Each structure stands twice: as structure tokens, then as C-alpha cells.
């Protein structure tokens, strides 16, 4: 799904991009959840720890995106729609490269 220019973006585009970015950014945590759930005898404690790690990672990514958009009173979705992180266009991978290039600082910067 191509990502439209910011002026044409909808919340669905934003949600889609955030989902893809989350899958890339939090792939380690997602992998832990999958390994845990696919284990022959899943350990509920390990699965909970993995899910908690994923939620923390997801929040961290959200903070990084919001920092890029520099919103005053804006949700993550609105931020993506209005700013296009920031005005990045193109396919998801291009969007991801643009996001990485534009990220300013913070915990996320060291992960790329």
C-alpha cells in the first residue's frame, strides 16, 4: 500500500504505517512472543514478560514518532496524517528509511 502525500493521508494510512513500523522497530520483542507462544510447553510467565516488553517498545516508538511530529495536542494517528513523519511519502520501506533519517534523538536512535 503506497503512502500518499500528507495532505491525502487518512487515519487508515497512519494506522497501517504505525503497524508496519512497529513490526520492524519491535521485531525482537515480537519474536520473543512468537517463540513463547509456539513453544511445546509455553511458560505463561515468559509470555507475559515478552508481551510487556513489546508494549513498552510500542510506546517508545510512539513517543519517537510524536517527538518527530512535535505536536501540541495531537494523537499519534493525527500526527502521522498531518505530518507524514515528517512529510515522508512513498512505500512503507521508504517511509521507514525517512523515519530513521529524521529521528532526532532518544532511545530509539541507537536501535537503527
PDB file of N, CA and C in Angstrom:
ATOM      1  N   UNK A   1       0.851  -1.189   0.000  1.00  0.00           N
ATOM      2  CA  UNK A   1       0.000   0.000   0.000  1.00  0.00           C
ATOM      3  C   UNK A   1       0.888   1.240   0.000  1.00  0.00           C
ATOM      4  N   UNK A   2       0.856   2.030  -1.057  1.00  0.00           N
ATOM      5  CA  UNK A   2       1.703   3.227  -1.068  1.00  0.00           C
ATOM      6  C   UNK A   2       1.205   4.249  -0.050  1.00  0.00           C
ATOM      7  N   UNK A   3       2.112   5.017   0.445  1.00  0.00           N
ATOM      8  CA  UNK A   3       1.750   6.052   1.407  1.00  0.00           C
ATOM      9  C   UNK A   3       1.539   7.351   0.654  1.00  0.00           C
ATOM     10  N   UNK A   4       0.374   7.974   0.783  1.00  0.00           N
ATOM     11  CA  UNK A   4       0.095   9.177  -0.009  1.00  0.00           C
ATOM     12  C   UNK A   4       0.802  10.408   0.556  1.00  0.00           C
ATOM     13  N   UNK A   5       0.748  11.488  -0.210  1.00  0.00           N
ATOM     14  CA  UNK A   5       1.231  12.762   0.323  1.00  0.00           C
ATOM     15  C   UNK A   5       0.459  13.070   1.592  1.00  0.00           C
ATOM     16  N   UNK A   6       1.081  13.800   2.487  1.00  0.00           N
ATOM     17  CA  UNK A   6       0.459  14.097   3.775  1.00  0.00           C
ATOM     18  C   UNK A   6      -0.946  14.655   3.639  1.00  0.00           C
ATOM     19  N   UNK A   7      -1.155  15.524   2.647  1.00  0.00           N
ATOM     20  CA  UNK A   7      -2.481  16.152   2.506  1.00  0.00           C
ATOM     21  C   UNK A   7      -3.565  15.131   2.172  1.00  0.00           C
ATOM     22  N   UNK A   8      -3.170  13.986   1.570  1.00  0.00           N
ATOM     23  CA  UNK A   8      -4.146  12.957   1.202  1.00  0.00           C
ATOM     24  C   UNK A   8      -4.226  11.825   2.221  1.00  0.00           C
ATOM     25  N   UNK A   9      -3.395  11.887   3.241  1.00  0.00           N
ATOM     26  CA  UNK A   9      -3.325  10.763   4.180  1.00  0.00           C
ATOM     27  C   UNK A   9      -4.599  10.678   5.013  1.00  0.00           C
ATOM     28  N   UNK A  10      -4.940   9.461   5.390  1.00  0.00           N
ATOM     29  CA  UNK A  10      -6.106   9.231   6.241  1.00  0.00           C
ATOM     30  C   UNK A  10      -5.639   8.511   7.495  1.00  0.00           C
ATOM     31  N   UNK A  11      -6.482   8.448   8.526  1.00  0.00           N
ATOM     32  CA  UNK A  11      -6.106   7.685   9.718  1.00  0.00           C
ATOM     33  C   UNK A  11      -5.768   6.230   9.396  1.00  0.00           C
ATOM     34  N   UNK A  12      -6.413   5.654   8.366  1.00  0.00           N
ATOM     35  CA  UNK A  12      -6.115   4.263   7.992  1.00  0.00           C
ATOM     36  C   UNK A  12      -4.675   4.144   7.516  1.00  0.00           C
ATOM     37  N   UNK A  13      -4.220   5.103   6.709  1.00  0.00           N
ATOM     38  CA  UNK A  13      -2.823   5.093   6.259  1.00  0.00           C
ATOM     39  C   UNK A  13      -1.901   5.186   7.475  1.00  0.00           C
ATOM     40  N   UNK A  14      -2.245   6.093   8.373  1.00  0.00           N
ATOM     41  CA  UNK A  14      -1.403   6.296   9.551  1.00  0.00           C
ATOM     42  C   UNK A  14      -1.325   5.023  10.382  1.00  0.00           C
ATOM     43  N   UNK A  15      -2.477   4.404  10.614  1.00  0.00           N
ATOM     44  CA  UNK A  15      -2.504   3.173  11.414  1.00  0.00           C
ATOM     45  C   UNK A  15      -1.684   2.083  10.750  1.00  0.00           C
ATOM     46  N   UNK A  16      -1.785   2.015   9.430  1.00  0.00           N
ATOM     47  CA  UNK A  16      -1.051   0.992   8.676  1.00  0.00           C
ATOM     48  C   UNK A  16       0.459   1.217   8.814  1.00  0.00           C
ATOM     49  N   UNK A  17       0.870   2.460   8.627  1.00  0.00           N
ATOM     50  CA  UNK A  17       2.304   2.785   8.727  1.00  0.00           C
ATOM     51  C   UNK A  17       2.811   2.508  10.141  1.00  0.00           C
ATOM     52  N   UNK A  18       2.039   2.918  11.143  1.00  0.00           N
ATOM     53  CA  UNK A  18       2.455   2.668  12.531  1.00  0.00           C
ATOM     54  C   UNK A  18       2.578   1.163  12.770  1.00  0.00           C
ATOM     55  N   UNK A  19       1.643   0.390  12.232  1.00  0.00           N
ATOM     56  CA  UNK A  19       1.679  -1.067  12.402  1.00  0.00           C
ATOM     57  C   UNK A  19       2.960  -1.643  11.787  1.00  0.00           C
ATOM     58  N   UNK A  20       3.263  -1.240  10.548  1.00  0.00           N
ATOM     59  CA  UNK A  20       4.458  -1.739   9.863  1.00  0.00           C
ATOM     60  C   UNK A  20       5.718  -1.294  10.608  1.00  0.00           C
ATOM     61  N   UNK A  21       5.742  -0.029  11.012  1.00  0.00           N
ATOM     62  CA  UNK A  21       6.914   0.480  11.728  1.00  0.00           C
ATOM     63  C   UNK A  21       7.090  -0.255  13.045  1.00  0.00           C
ATOM     64  N   UNK A  22       5.977  -0.548  13.717  1.00  0.00           N
ATOM     65  CA  UNK A  22       6.049  -1.275  14.988  1.00  0.00           C
ATOM     66  C   UNK A  22       6.617  -2.666  14.755  1.00  0.00           C
ATOM     67  N   UNK A  23       6.164  -3.317  13.670  1.00  0.00           N
ATOM     68  CA  UNK A  23       6.667  -4.665  13.370  1.00  0.00           C
ATOM     69  C   UNK A  23       8.174  -4.642  13.127  1.00  0.00           C
ATOM     70  N   UNK A  24       8.659  -3.589  12.479  1.00  0.00           N
ATOM     71  CA  UNK A  24      10.095  -3.501  12.204  1.00  0.00           C
ATOM     72  C   UNK A  24      10.862  -3.092  13.464  1.00  0.00           C
ATOM     73  N   UNK A  25      10.357  -2.063  14.131  1.00  0.00           N
ATOM     74  CA  UNK A  25      11.050  -1.493  15.289  1.00  0.00           C
ATOM     75  C   UNK A  25      11.082  -2.475  16.459  1.00  0.00           C
ATOM     76  N   UNK A  26       9.993  -3.213  16.643  1.00  0.00           N
ATOM     77  CA  UNK A  26       9.867  -4.111  17.800  1.00  0.00           C
ATOM     78  C   UNK A  26       9.990  -5.574  17.387  1.00  0.00           C
ATOM     79  N   UNK A  27      10.737  -5.849  16.319  1.00  0.00           N
ATOM     80  CA  UNK A  27      10.769  -7.234  15.823  1.00  0.00           C
ATOM     81  C   UNK A  27      11.382  -8.194  16.841  1.00  0.00           C
ATOM     82  N   UNK A  28      12.331  -7.734  17.655  1.00  0.00           N
ATOM     83  CA  UNK A  28      12.923  -8.606  18.682  1.00  0.00           C
ATOM     84  C   UNK A  28      11.859  -9.039  19.676  1.00  0.00           C
ATOM     85  N   UNK A  29      11.074  -8.061  20.161  1.00  0.00           N
ATOM     86  CA  UNK A  29      10.029  -8.355  21.139  1.00  0.00           C
ATOM     87  C   UNK A  29       8.938  -9.228  20.535  1.00  0.00           C
ATOM     88  N   UNK A  30       8.566  -8.955  19.278  1.00  0.00           N
ATOM     89  CA  UNK A  30       7.553  -9.774  18.610  1.00  0.00           C
ATOM     90  C   UNK A  30       8.046 -11.207  18.467  1.00  0.00           C
ATOM     91  N   UNK A  31       9.328 -11.360  18.142  1.00  0.00           N
ATOM     92  CA  UNK A  31       9.925 -12.690  18.007  1.00  0.00           C
ATOM     93  C   UNK A  31       9.853 -13.470  19.304  1.00  0.00           C
ATOM     94  N   UNK A  32      10.098 -12.777  20.415  1.00  0.00           N
ATOM     95  CA  UNK A  32      10.028 -13.438  21.731  1.00  0.00           C
ATOM     96  C   UNK A  32       8.615 -13.944  22.016  1.00  0.00           C
ATOM     97  N   UNK A  33       7.612 -13.125  21.686  1.00  0.00           N
ATOM     98  CA  UNK A  33       6.217 -13.525  21.900  1.00  0.00           C
ATOM     99  C   UNK A  33       5.911 -14.765  21.051  1.00  0.00           C
ATOM    100  N   UNK A  34       6.297 -14.734  19.780  1.00  0.00           N
ATOM    101  CA  UNK A  34       6.021 -15.861  18.888  1.00  0.00           C
ATOM    102  C   UNK A  34       6.720 -17.131  19.361  1.00  0.00           C
ATOM    103  N   UNK A  35       7.995 -17.011  19.759  1.00  0.00           N
ATOM    104  CA  UNK A  35       8.725 -18.194  20.240  1.00  0.00           C
ATOM    105  C   UNK A  35       8.056 -18.765  21.477  1.00  0.00           C
ATOM    106  N   UNK A  36       7.606 -17.866  22.345  1.00  0.00           N
ATOM    107  CA  UNK A  36       6.967 -18.306  23.580  1.00  0.00           C
ATOM    108  C   UNK A  36       5.649 -19.020  23.271  1.00  0.00           C
ATOM    109  N   UNK A  37       4.835 -18.397  22.416  1.00  0.00           N
ATOM    110  CA  UNK A  37       3.522 -18.979  22.110  1.00  0.00           C
ATOM    111  C   UNK A  37       3.626 -20.268  21.299  1.00  0.00           C
ATOM    112  N   UNK A  38       4.710 -20.404  20.533  1.00  0.00           N
ATOM    113  CA  UNK A  38       4.881 -21.608  19.710  1.00  0.00           C
ATOM    114  C   UNK A  38       5.660 -22.709  20.417  1.00  0.00           C
ATOM    115  N   UNK A  39       6.076 -22.462  21.645  1.00  0.00           N
ATOM    116  CA  UNK A  39       6.835 -23.467  22.385  1.00  0.00           C
ATOM    117  C   UNK A  39       5.947 -24.688  22.656  1.00  0.00           C
ATOM    118  N   UNK A  40       6.596 -25.843  22.794  1.00  0.00           N
ATOM    119  CA  UNK A  40       5.848 -27.082  23.058  1.00  0.00           C
ATOM    120  C   UNK A  40       5.073 -26.935  24.361  1.00  0.00           C
ATOM    121  N   UNK A  41       5.743 -26.425  25.386  1.00  0.00           N
ATOM    122  CA  UNK A  41       5.052 -26.140  26.656  1.00  0.00           C
ATOM    123  C   UNK A  41       5.298 -24.669  26.993  1.00  0.00           C
ATOM    124  N   UNK A  42       4.422 -23.783  26.514  1.00  0.00           N
ATOM    125  CA  UNK A  42       4.617 -22.348  26.759  1.00  0.00           C
ATOM    126  C   UNK A  42       4.641 -22.020  28.256  1.00  0.00           C
ATOM    127  N   UNK A  43       5.565 -21.175  28.631  1.00  0.00           N
ATOM    128  CA  UNK A  43       5.659 -20.713  30.012  1.00  0.00           C
ATOM    129  C   UNK A  43       4.888 -19.400  30.108  1.00  0.00           C
ATOM    130  N   UNK A  44       3.743 -19.400  30.828  1.00  0.00           N
ATOM    131  CA  UNK A  44       2.915 -18.171  30.887  1.00  0.00           C
ATOM    132  C   UNK A  44       3.695 -16.957  31.383  1.00  0.00           C
ATOM    133  N   UNK A  45       4.608 -17.150  32.334  1.00  0.00           N
ATOM    134  CA  UNK A  45       5.396 -16.019  32.841  1.00  0.00           C
ATOM    135  C   UNK A  45       6.267 -15.419  31.744  1.00  0.00           C
ATOM    136  N   UNK A  46       6.932 -16.285  30.989  1.00  0.00           N
ATOM    137  CA  UNK A  46       7.782 -15.793  29.892  1.00  0.00           C
ATOM    138  C   UNK A  46       6.960 -15.067  28.840  1.00  0.00           C
ATOM    139  N   UNK A  47       5.781 -15.598  28.548  1.00  0.00           N
ATOM    140  CA  UNK A  47       4.912 -14.954  27.551  1.00  0.00           C
ATOM    141  C   UNK A  47       4.471 -13.578  28.044  1.00  0.00           C
ATOM    142  N   UNK A  48       4.142 -13.473  29.316  1.00  0.00           N
ATOM    143  CA  UNK A  48       3.745 -12.175  29.886  1.00  0.00           C
ATOM    144  C   UNK A  48       4.895 -11.178  29.814  1.00  0.00           C
ATOM    145  N   UNK A  49       6.098 -11.653  30.142  1.00  0.00           N
ATOM    146  CA  UNK A  49       7.283 -10.787  30.093  1.00  0.00           C
ATOM    147  C   UNK A  49       7.501 -10.317  28.657  1.00  0.00           C
ATOM    148  N   UNK A  50       7.354 -11.232  27.696  1.00  0.00           N
ATOM    149  CA  UNK A  50       7.534 -10.886  26.275  1.00  0.00           C
ATOM    150  C   UNK A  50       6.496  -9.857  25.839  1.00  0.00           C
ATOM    151  N   UNK A  51       5.242 -10.047  26.244  1.00  0.00           N
ATOM    152  CA  UNK A  51       4.180  -9.098  25.860  1.00  0.00           C
ATOM    153  C   UNK A  51       4.424  -7.725  26.481  1.00  0.00           C
ATOM    154  N   UNK A  52       4.868  -7.711  27.735  1.00  0.00           N
ATOM    155  CA  UNK A  52       5.169  -6.447  28.408  1.00  0.00           C
ATOM    156  C   UNK A  52       6.296  -5.722  27.674  1.00  0.00           C
ATOM    157  N   UNK A  53       7.318  -6.478  27.276  1.00  0.00           N
ATOM    158  CA  UNK A  53       8.436  -5.890  26.527  1.00  0.00           C
ATOM    159  C   UNK A  53       7.970  -5.292  25.212  1.00  0.00           C
ATOM    160  N   UNK A  54       7.044  -5.979  24.549  1.00  0.00           N
ATOM    161  CA  UNK A  54       6.519  -5.482  23.284  1.00  0.00           C
ATOM    162  C   UNK A  54       5.728  -4.191  23.498  1.00  0.00           C
ATOM    163  N   UNK A  55       4.867  -4.172  24.514  1.00  0.00           N
ATOM    164  CA  UNK A  55       4.065  -2.964  24.785  1.00  0.00           C
ATOM    165  C   UNK A  55       4.971  -1.770  25.103  1.00  0.00           C
ATOM    166  N   UNK A  56       6.039  -2.019  25.838  1.00  0.00           N
ATOM    167  CA  UNK A  56       6.992  -0.955  26.191  1.00  0.00           C
ATOM    168  C   UNK A  56       7.661  -0.424  24.916  1.00  0.00           C
ATOM    169  N   UNK A  57       8.053  -1.350  24.043  1.00  0.00           N
ATOM    170  CA  UNK A  57       8.689  -0.986  22.777  1.00  0.00           C
ATOM    171  C   UNK A  57       7.729  -0.164  21.912  1.00  0.00           C
ATOM    172  N   UNK A  58       6.467  -0.610  21.868  1.00  0.00           N
ATOM    173  CA  UNK A  58       5.435   0.081  21.089  1.00  0.00           C
ATOM    174  C   UNK A  58       5.266   1.518  21.590  1.00  0.00           C
ATOM    175  N   UNK A  59       5.237   1.685  22.908  1.00  0.00           N
ATOM    176  CA  UNK A  59       5.095   3.033  23.492  1.00  0.00           C
ATOM    177  C   UNK A  59       6.308   3.891  23.157  1.00  0.00           C
ATOM    178  N   UNK A  60       7.499   3.286  23.219  1.00  0.00           N
ATOM    179  CA  UNK A  60       8.728   4.011  22.909  1.00  0.00           C
ATOM    180  C   UNK A  60       8.686   4.517  21.470  1.00  0.00           C
ATOM    181  N   UNK A  61       8.260   3.659  20.539  1.00  0.00           N
ATOM    182  CA  UNK A  61       8.159   4.060  19.137  1.00  0.00           C
ATOM    183  C   UNK A  61       7.152   5.200  18.995  1.00  0.00           C
ATOM    184  N   UNK A  62       6.023   5.077  19.670  1.00  0.00           N
ATOM    185  CA  UNK A  62       5.012   6.142  19.637  1.00  0.00           C
ATOM    186  C   UNK A  62       5.574   7.468  20.094  1.00  0.00           C
ATOM    187  N   UNK A  63       6.354   7.429  21.171  1.00  0.00           N
ATOM    188  CA  UNK A  63       6.976   8.664  21.675  1.00  0.00           C
ATOM    189  C   UNK A  63       7.941   9.247  20.650  1.00  0.00           C
ATOM    190  N   UNK A  64       8.707   8.370  19.987  1.00  0.00           N
ATOM    191  CA  UNK A  64       9.664   8.847  18.985  1.00  0.00           C
ATOM    192  C   UNK A  64       8.942   9.517  17.819  1.00  0.00           C
ATOM    193  N   UNK A  65       7.839   8.916  17.376  1.00  0.00           N
ATOM    194  CA  UNK A  65       7.082   9.497  16.260  1.00  0.00           C
ATOM    195  C   UNK A  65       6.505  10.845  16.677  1.00  0.00           C
ATOM    196  N   UNK A  66       5.932  10.887  17.866  1.00  0.00           N
ATOM    197  CA  UNK A  66       5.339  12.143  18.333  1.00  0.00           C
ATOM    198  C   UNK A  66       6.409  13.224  18.488  1.00  0.00           C
ATOM    199  N   UNK A  67       7.600  12.825  18.919  1.00  0.00           N
ATOM    200  CA  UNK A  67       8.690  13.783  19.059  1.00  0.00           C
ATOM    201  C   UNK A  67       9.043  14.358  17.689  1.00  0.00           C
ATOM    202  N   UNK A  68       9.053  13.495  16.675  1.00  0.00           N
ATOM    203  CA  UNK A  68       9.331  13.945  15.306  1.00  0.00           C
ATOM    204  C   UNK A  68       8.275  14.920  14.828  1.00  0.00           C
ATOM    205  N   UNK A  69       7.014  14.602  15.128  1.00  0.00           N
ATOM    206  CA  UNK A  69       5.920  15.450  14.657  1.00  0.00           C
ATOM    207  C   UNK A  69       5.807  16.707  15.497  1.00  0.00           C
ATOM    208  N   UNK A  70       6.339  16.647  16.701  1.00  0.00           N
ATOM    209  CA  UNK A  70       6.323  17.791  17.610  1.00  0.00           C
ATOM    210  C   UNK A  70       4.925  18.365  17.795  1.00  0.00           C
ATOM    211  N   UNK A  71       3.964  17.516  18.178  1.00  0.00           N
ATOM    212  CA  UNK A  71       2.594  18.005  18.292  1.00  0.00           C
ATOM    213  C   UNK A  71       2.335  18.691  19.632  1.00  0.00           C
ATOM    214  N   UNK A  72       1.341  19.525  19.652  1.00  0.00           N
ATOM    215  CA  UNK A  72       0.908  20.108  20.921  1.00  0.00           C
ATOM    216  C   UNK A  72      -0.203  19.228  21.509  1.00  0.00           C
ATOM    217  N   UNK A  73      -1.320  19.123  20.787  1.00  0.00           N
ATOM    218  CA  UNK A  73      -2.432  18.305  21.258  1.00  0.00           C
ATOM    219  C   UNK A  73      -2.857  17.405  20.107  1.00  0.00           C
ATOM    220  N   UNK A  74      -2.062  16.383  19.850  1.00  0.00           N
ATOM    221  CA  UNK A  74      -2.310  15.550  18.682  1.00  0.00           C
ATOM    222  C   UNK A  74      -2.121  14.093  19.058  1.00  0.00           C
ATOM    223  N   UNK A  75      -2.976  13.249  18.546  1.00  0.00           N
ATOM    224  CA  UNK A  75      -2.777  11.815  18.764  1.00  0.00           C
ATOM    225  C   UNK A  75      -1.716  11.323  17.787  1.00  0.00           C
ATOM    226  N   UNK A  76      -1.230  10.126  18.013  1.00  0.00           N
ATOM    227  CA  UNK A  76      -0.247   9.526  17.115  1.00  0.00           C
ATOM    228  C   UNK A  76      -0.786   9.467  15.684  1.00  0.00           C
ATOM    229  N   UNK A  77      -2.049   9.059  15.546  1.00  0.00           N
ATOM    230  CA  UNK A  77      -2.663   8.961  14.219  1.00  0.00           C
ATOM    231  C   UNK A  77      -2.722  10.323  13.540  1.00  0.00           C
ATOM    232  N   UNK A  78      -3.197  11.335  14.279  1.00  0.00           N
ATOM    233  CA  UNK A  78      -3.279  12.679  13.701  1.00  0.00           C
ATOM    234  C   UNK A  78      -1.895  13.159  13.289  1.00  0.00           C
ATOM    235  N   UNK A  79      -0.927  12.865  14.121  1.00  0.00           N
ATOM    236  CA  UNK A  79       0.452  13.264  13.866  1.00  0.00           C
ATOM    237  C   UNK A  79       0.929  12.651  12.552  1.00  0.00           C
ATOM    238  N   UNK A  80       0.651  11.353  12.378  1.00  0.00           N
ATOM    239  CA  UNK A  80       1.066  10.678  11.149  1.00  0.00           C
ATOM    240  C   UNK A  80       0.351  11.269   9.944  1.00  0.00           C
ATOM    241  N   UNK A  81      -0.934  11.537  10.101  1.00  0.00           N
ATOM    242  CA  UNK A  81      -1.719  12.070   8.980  1.00  0.00           C
ATOM    243  C   UNK A  81      -1.255  13.483   8.639  1.00  0.00           C
ATOM    244  N   UNK A  82      -1.118  14.322   9.656  1.00  0.00           N
ATOM    245  CA  UNK A  82      -0.808  15.729   9.400  1.00  0.00           C
ATOM    246  C   UNK A  82       0.641  15.939   8.995  1.00  0.00           C
ATOM    247  N   UNK A  83       1.542  15.206   9.613  1.00  0.00           N
ATOM    248  CA  UNK A  83       2.951  15.459   9.364  1.00  0.00           C
ATOM    249  C   UNK A  83       3.584  14.438   8.430  1.00  0.00           C
ATOM    250  N   UNK A  84       2.976  13.267   8.303  1.00  0.00           N
ATOM    251  CA  UNK A  84       3.556  12.270   7.430  1.00  0.00           C
ATOM    252  C   UNK A  84       4.941  11.840   7.870  1.00  0.00           C
ATOM    253  N   UNK A  85       5.270  12.082   9.092  1.00  0.00           N
ATOM    254  CA  UNK A  85       6.540  11.693   9.774  1.00  0.00           C
ATOM    255  C   UNK A  85       7.783  12.027   8.986  1.00  0.00           C
ATOM    256  N   UNK A  86       8.246  13.192   8.923  1.00  0.00           N
ATOM    257  CA  UNK A  86       7.505  14.416   8.660  1.00  0.00           C
ATOM    258  C   UNK A  86       7.471  14.559   7.152  1.00  0.00           C
ATOM    259  N   UNK A  87       6.282  14.526   6.595  1.00  0.00           N
ATOM    260  CA  UNK A  87       6.040  14.628   5.156  1.00  0.00           C
ATOM    261  C   UNK A  87       6.830  13.609   4.348  1.00  0.00           C
ATOM    262  N   UNK A  88       7.064  12.441   4.915  1.00  0.00           N
ATOM    263  CA  UNK A  88       7.690  11.362   4.150  1.00  0.00           C
ATOM    264  C   UNK A  88       6.601  10.759   3.278  1.00  0.00           C
ATOM    265  N   UNK A  89       6.940  10.432   2.053  1.00  0.00           N
ATOM    266  CA  UNK A  89       5.957   9.792   1.183  1.00  0.00           C
ATOM    267  C   UNK A  89       6.604   8.571   0.539  1.00  0.00           C
ATOM    268  N   UNK A  90       5.796   7.780  -0.114  1.00  0.00           N
ATOM    269  CA  UNK A  90       6.320   6.622  -0.813  1.00  0.00           C
ATOM    270  C   UNK A  90       5.890   5.330  -0.167  1.00  0.00           C
ATOM    271  N   UNK A  91       6.555   4.246  -0.530  1.00  0.00           N
ATOM    272  CA  UNK A  91       6.222   2.939   0.008  1.00  0.00           C
ATOM    273  C   UNK A  91       6.607   2.876   1.480  1.00  0.00           C
ATOM    274  N   UNK A  92       6.146   1.824   2.139  1.00  0.00           N
ATOM    275  CA  UNK A  92       6.398   1.685   3.568  1.00  0.00           C
ATOM    276  C   UNK A  92       7.885   1.677   3.865  1.00  0.00           C
ATOM    277  N   UNK A  93       8.676   0.956   3.066  1.00  0.00           N
ATOM    278  CA  UNK A  93      10.112   0.885   3.342  1.00  0.00           C
ATOM    279  C   UNK A  93      10.779   2.243   3.191  1.00  0.00           C
ATOM    280  N   UNK A  94      10.312   3.026   2.215  1.00  0.00           N
ATOM    281  CA  UNK A  94      10.850   4.373   2.038  1.00  0.00           C
ATOM    282  C   UNK A  94      10.474   5.228   3.243  1.00  0.00           C
ATOM    283  N   UNK A  95       9.226   5.030   3.676  1.00  0.00           N
ATOM    284  CA  UNK A  95       8.724   5.740   4.841  1.00  0.00           C
ATOM    285  C   UNK A  95       9.595   5.418   6.060  1.00  0.00           C
ATOM    286  N   UNK A  96       9.934   4.138   6.204  1.00  0.00           N
ATOM    287  CA  UNK A  96      10.754   3.696   7.327  1.00  0.00           C
ATOM    288  C   UNK A  96      12.136   4.328   7.256  1.00  0.00           C
ATOM    289  N   UNK A  97      12.737   4.344   6.055  1.00  0.00           N
ATOM    290  CA  UNK A  97      14.058   4.954   5.875  1.00  0.00           C
ATOM    291  C   UNK A  97      13.990   6.443   6.210  1.00  0.00           C
ATOM    292  N   UNK A  98      12.909   7.079   5.791  1.00  0.00           N
ATOM    293  CA  UNK A  98      12.720   8.502   6.060  1.00  0.00           C
ATOM    294  C   UNK A  98      12.591   8.744   7.560  1.00  0.00           C
ATOM    295  N   UNK A  99      11.832   7.876   8.227  1.00  0.00           N
ATOM    296  CA  UNK A  99      11.666   7.992   9.668  1.00  0.00           C
ATOM    297  C   UNK A  99      13.016   7.881  10.362  1.00  0.00           C
ATOM    298  N   UNK A 100      13.810   6.879   9.968  1.00  0.00           N
ATOM    299  CA  UNK A 100      15.125   6.679  10.590  1.00  0.00           C
ATOM    300  C   UNK A 100      16.023   7.887  10.369  1.00  0.00           C
ATOM    301  N   UNK A 101      15.983   8.415   9.148  1.00  0.00           N
ATOM    302  CA  UNK A 101      16.829   9.553   8.793  1.00  0.00           C
ATOM    303  C   UNK A 101      16.449  10.785   9.618  1.00  0.00           C
ATOM    304  N   UNK A 102      15.150  10.920   9.873  1.00  0.00           N
ATOM    305  CA  UNK A 102      14.657  12.129  10.531  1.00  0.00           C
ATOM    306  C   UNK A 102      14.617  12.037  12.054  1.00  0.00           C
ATOM    307  N   UNK A 103      14.856  10.843  12.577  1.00  0.00           N
ATOM    308  CA  UNK A 103      14.743  10.703  14.020  1.00  0.00           C
ATOM    309  C   UNK A 103      15.839  11.548  14.684  1.00  0.00           C
ATOM    310  N   UNK A 104      15.478  12.253  15.708  1.00  0.00           N
ATOM    311  CA  UNK A 104      16.412  13.220  16.276  1.00  0.00           C
ATOM    312  C   UNK A 104      17.314  12.615  17.363  1.00  0.00           C
ATOM    313  N   UNK A 105      16.700  12.038  18.366  1.00  0.00           N
ATOM    314  CA  UNK A 105      17.494  11.533  19.485  1.00  0.00           C
ATOM    315  C   UNK A 105      16.637  10.579  20.286  1.00  0.00           C
ATOM    316  N   UNK A 106      17.109  10.208  21.446  1.00  0.00           N
ATOM    317  CA  UNK A 106      16.310   9.352  22.315  1.00  0.00           C
ATOM    318  C   UNK A 106      16.706   7.900  22.165  1.00  0.00           C
ATOM    319  N   UNK A 107      16.047   7.070  22.932  1.00  0.00           N
ATOM    320  CA  UNK A 107      16.376   5.647  22.994  1.00  0.00           C
ATOM    321  C   UNK A 107      16.301   4.995  21.631  1.00  0.00           C
ATOM    322  N   UNK A 108      15.368   5.434  20.810  1.00  0.00           N
ATOM    323  CA  UNK A 108      15.168   4.780  19.520  1.00  0.00           C
ATOM    324  C   UNK A 108      16.358   4.978  18.589  1.00  0.00           C
ATOM    325  N   UNK A 109      17.019   6.113  18.698  1.00  0.00           N
ATOM    326  CA  UNK A 109      18.097   6.431  17.758  1.00  0.00           C
ATOM    327  C   UNK A 109      19.161   5.339  17.733  1.00  0.00           C
ATOM    328  N   UNK A 110      19.466   4.762  18.885  1.00  0.00           N
ATOM    329  CA  UNK A 110      20.523   3.761  18.953  1.00  0.00           C
ATOM    330  C   UNK A 110      20.097   2.414  18.369  1.00  0.00           C
ATOM    331  N   UNK A 111      18.798   2.214  18.144  1.00  0.00           N
ATOM    332  CA  UNK A 111      18.314   0.919  17.659  1.00  0.00           C
ATOM    333  C   UNK A 111      18.379   0.805  16.149  1.00  0.00           C
ATOM    334  N   UNK A 112      18.666   1.903  15.451  1.00  0.00           N
ATOM    335  CA  UNK A 112      18.621   1.854  13.993  1.00  0.00           C
ATOM    336  C   UNK A 112      20.016   1.727  13.411  1.00  0.00           C
TER     337      UNK A 112
END
